[in-house]
Amino acid sequence: MKHSKLQLQVLSLYKECMRAAQLKPGFEQTVKTEFKRNAALPRSDTLRIEYAMRNGQRKLEMMRDPRVSGMGRFVDEKKK
């Protein structure tokens, strides 16, 4: 089965994020968690997928920044 252009972009972003996360301890799990969380988006909801892609690109640039040593996350208190 062939992947759509958007699917290929998501896979490419995931690979780039995982490569960047290898250089910083603790980032790999965060990347995996974020991608799994966004995997629940319906394939037909391209606007939300593109928004998540832009957000992911910003986080990738942050991970590549040598001055960044940690990544904060907001926790939903209701889910605890």
C-alpha atoms as a PDB file:
ATOM      1  CA  MET A   1       0.000   0.000   0.000  1.00  0.00           C
ATOM      2  CA  LYS A   2       1.333   3.428  -0.929  1.00  0.00           C
ATOM      3  CA  HIS A   3       1.443   6.192   1.631  1.00  0.00           C
ATOM      4  CA  SER A   4      -0.080   9.587   0.935  1.00  0.00           C
ATOM      5  CA  LYS A   5       2.134  12.652   0.739  1.00  0.00           C
ATOM      6  CA  LEU A   6       1.007  13.750   4.208  1.00  0.00           C
ATOM      7  CA  GLN A   7       1.755  10.311   5.673  1.00  0.00           C
ATOM      8  CA  LEU A   8       5.245  10.404   4.181  1.00  0.00           C
ATOM      9  CA  GLN A   9       5.798  13.839   5.717  1.00  0.00           C
ATOM     10  CA  VAL A  10       4.707  12.571   9.138  1.00  0.00           C
ATOM     11  CA  LEU A  11       7.025   9.558   8.879  1.00  0.00           C
ATOM     12  CA  SER A  12       9.899  11.794   7.828  1.00  0.00           C
ATOM     13  CA  LEU A  13       9.274  14.146  10.764  1.00  0.00           C
ATOM     14  CA  TYR A  14       9.183  11.155  13.138  1.00  0.00           C
ATOM     15  CA  LYS A  15      12.543   9.892  11.877  1.00  0.00           C
ATOM     16  CA  GLU A  16      14.123  13.333  12.146  1.00  0.00           C
ATOM     17  CA  CYS A  17      12.765  13.776  15.672  1.00  0.00           C
ATOM     18  CA  MET A  18      14.070  10.374  16.757  1.00  0.00           C
ATOM     19  CA  ARG A  19      17.535  11.171  15.351  1.00  0.00           C
ATOM     20  CA  ALA A  20      17.598  14.504  17.177  1.00  0.00           C
ATOM     21  CA  ALA A  21      16.280  12.886  20.380  1.00  0.00           C
ATOM     22  CA  GLN A  22      19.149  10.381  20.450  1.00  0.00           C
ATOM     23  CA  LEU A  23      21.537  13.204  21.230  1.00  0.00           C
ATOM     24  CA  LYS A  24      19.633  14.306  24.335  1.00  0.00           C
ATOM     25  CA  PRO A  25      18.730  12.008  27.243  1.00  0.00           C
ATOM     26  CA  GLY A  26      15.037  11.510  27.931  1.00  0.00           C
ATOM     27  CA  PHE A  27      13.781  13.012  24.685  1.00  0.00           C
ATOM     28  CA  GLU A  28      13.108   9.741  22.837  1.00  0.00           C
ATOM     29  CA  GLN A  29      10.250   8.720  25.118  1.00  0.00           C
ATOM     30  CA  THR A  30       8.686  12.171  24.805  1.00  0.00           C
ATOM     31  CA  VAL A  31       8.822  11.971  20.992  1.00  0.00           C
ATOM     32  CA  LYS A  32       7.243   8.505  20.980  1.00  0.00           C
ATOM     33  CA  THR A  33       4.505   9.602  23.379  1.00  0.00           C
ATOM     34  CA  GLU A  34       3.628  12.687  21.319  1.00  0.00           C
ATOM     35  CA  PHE A  35       3.439  10.741  18.058  1.00  0.00           C
ATOM     36  CA  LYS A  36       1.311   7.991  19.636  1.00  0.00           C
ATOM     37  CA  ARG A  37      -1.031  10.598  21.096  1.00  0.00           C
ATOM     38  CA  ASN A  38      -1.452  12.273  17.704  1.00  0.00           C
ATOM     39  CA  ALA A  39      -1.860   8.938  15.909  1.00  0.00           C
ATOM     40  CA  ALA A  40      -5.471   8.932  17.092  1.00  0.00           C
ATOM     41  CA  LEU A  41      -6.298  11.853  14.796  1.00  0.00           C
ATOM     42  CA  PRO A  42      -8.588  10.794  11.949  1.00  0.00           C
ATOM     43  CA  ARG A  43      -6.783  10.602   8.614  1.00  0.00           C
ATOM     44  CA  SER A  44      -9.394  12.820   7.029  1.00  0.00           C
ATOM     45  CA  ASP A  45      -8.728  15.674   9.493  1.00  0.00           C
ATOM     46  CA  THR A  46      -5.901  17.224   7.489  1.00  0.00           C
ATOM     47  CA  LEU A  47      -6.099  20.617   9.209  1.00  0.00           C
ATOM     48  CA  ARG A  48      -5.373  19.145  12.642  1.00  0.00           C
ATOM     49  CA  ILE A  49      -2.664  16.888  11.200  1.00  0.00           C
ATOM     50  CA  GLU A  50      -0.973  19.840   9.510  1.00  0.00           C
ATOM     51  CA  TYR A  51      -1.200  21.823  12.758  1.00  0.00           C
ATOM     52  CA  ALA A  52       0.439  18.932  14.630  1.00  0.00           C
ATOM     53  CA  MET A  53       3.132  18.788  11.921  1.00  0.00           C
ATOM     54  CA  ARG A  54       3.953  22.486  12.326  1.00  0.00           C
ATOM     55  CA  ASN A  55       4.079  22.043  16.088  1.00  0.00           C
ATOM     56  CA  GLY A  56       6.364  19.030  15.613  1.00  0.00           C
ATOM     57  CA  GLN A  57       8.678  21.028  13.326  1.00  0.00           C
ATOM     58  CA  ARG A  58       9.021  23.701  16.024  1.00  0.00           C
ATOM     59  CA  LYS A  59       9.837  21.073  18.629  1.00  0.00           C
ATOM     60  CA  LEU A  60      12.378  19.490  16.271  1.00  0.00           C
ATOM     61  CA  GLU A  61      14.156  22.808  15.874  1.00  0.00           C
ATOM     62  CA  MET A  62      14.153  23.152  19.653  1.00  0.00           C
ATOM     63  CA  MET A  63      15.691  19.674  20.052  1.00  0.00           C
ATOM     64  CA  ARG A  64      18.402  20.528  17.547  1.00  0.00           C
ATOM     65  CA  ASP A  65      19.335  23.664  19.506  1.00  0.00           C
ATOM     66  CA  PRO A  66      22.543  22.895  21.442  1.00  0.00           C
ATOM     67  CA  ARG A  67      21.454  25.194  24.291  1.00  0.00           C
ATOM     68  CA  VAL A  68      18.345  23.107  25.048  1.00  0.00           C
ATOM     69  CA  SER A  69      18.842  20.416  27.678  1.00  0.00           C
ATOM     70  CA  GLY A  70      15.267  19.572  28.649  1.00  0.00           C
ATOM     71  CA  MET A  71      11.747  19.520  27.307  1.00  0.00           C
ATOM     72  CA  GLY A  72       8.791  20.543  29.454  1.00  0.00           C
ATOM     73  CA  ARG A  73       5.345  19.053  29.116  1.00  0.00           C
ATOM     74  CA  PHE A  74       1.967  20.080  30.420  1.00  0.00           C
ATOM     75  CA  VAL A  75       0.145  17.402  32.369  1.00  0.00           C
ATOM     76  CA  ASP A  76      -3.624  17.178  32.369  1.00  0.00           C
ATOM     77  CA  GLU A  77      -4.580  16.939  36.042  1.00  0.00           C
ATOM     78  CA  LYS A  78      -7.916  15.318  35.168  1.00  0.00           C
ATOM     79  CA  LYS A  79      -6.208  12.241  33.698  1.00  0.00           C
ATOM     80  CA  LYS A  80      -4.199  11.466  36.857  1.00  0.00           C
END
